[in-house]
Amino acid sequence: MKITSLTFNHNATFRKAPAFGTTHRYYETTDGKKIGTNTWLFRDDIDWTELSIYEKQHFKDKKKVNMVQFACSDGSEAYTQIISLIENNPSADDKKFFPIKAFDIDPEVIKAAKSKLLKTITFDTASLYMNTDNYDKYFKESDKKLDIKNDINFESSKTLKVADILTDKVVFENADMYKVLAKMEDDSNTILLCRNILGYFDENKIKNFIKLVSEKLKQGSLFLIGELDSAQTSTEKYLKENGFVSVMKHVFKKL
């Protein structure tokens, strides 16, 4: 996370907001496996400004864009995508990207996401104040406390209320990504965010999952991964073998 690189120019057309440090917890699956939840806004393994500009240009002829997120956690990644689309080259056509359909297998973090609250630490809140003039547009301080079971609590943590401009543009659901993928329909208009999930899988499971994604996504649709997936597995190799091409860091287009 490189807070210092995320500066803000009040006269700029393209903006970047600083990152929050929010949820840090482990979810135990029914078969006893532990899955880490560690997320925040504007994680820097994707250039969200560049991505939002590309998305608008790439899907300019589409009447609707199907935005789907797996392992959405507390909502940070959905809010990241929404803010990026709102802030960069805004237009009336942006509404076709919403609502984002955000899924997570962990019922506890979905409960947190649906609360319309977001946990931050003092440094993060101060960074947001310093780096954007839109703080109150997206977040307001709350006297409520967001308690997430088994989450790491920092002494300086603060709960923010997420504005309707964000929560109205995303639908959170507790669901298994394999079941969601099985029912997914695509018309070359899908953006599937699957960040830092495959890095927890063994190679064979990754290969099979990407094959499923390749069978579901049609030409022109996008598939997003994270640094963990790229650095610790052969995910990028499997994507290329299954008809995907890299269009920017961690963003792949189906050919």
Foldseek 3Di string as FASTA:
>chain_A
DCLVVQAADPPDQAHGFGKFWFWWAWDADPVGDIDTDTDIAPDPLDPLLVVLVCLCVLCVVPQAFAAEEEQCFQVRDLLNNLCSNCRHPHDPSSLRDFQYEYEYQHPQRLVNNVVQKTKGFPVSVVRRVRHDPCDVVFWDFDPDDDDGPRTDDDPRMGMIGTDCSRVVGYDYDNDDVVVVLVPDAEDLRYEYEYEPPCLVPPQVVLLVVLLSVLVHHDFNYKYFYGPSPVPRYCNVVSNVVSAWDDPDRRMIGHD
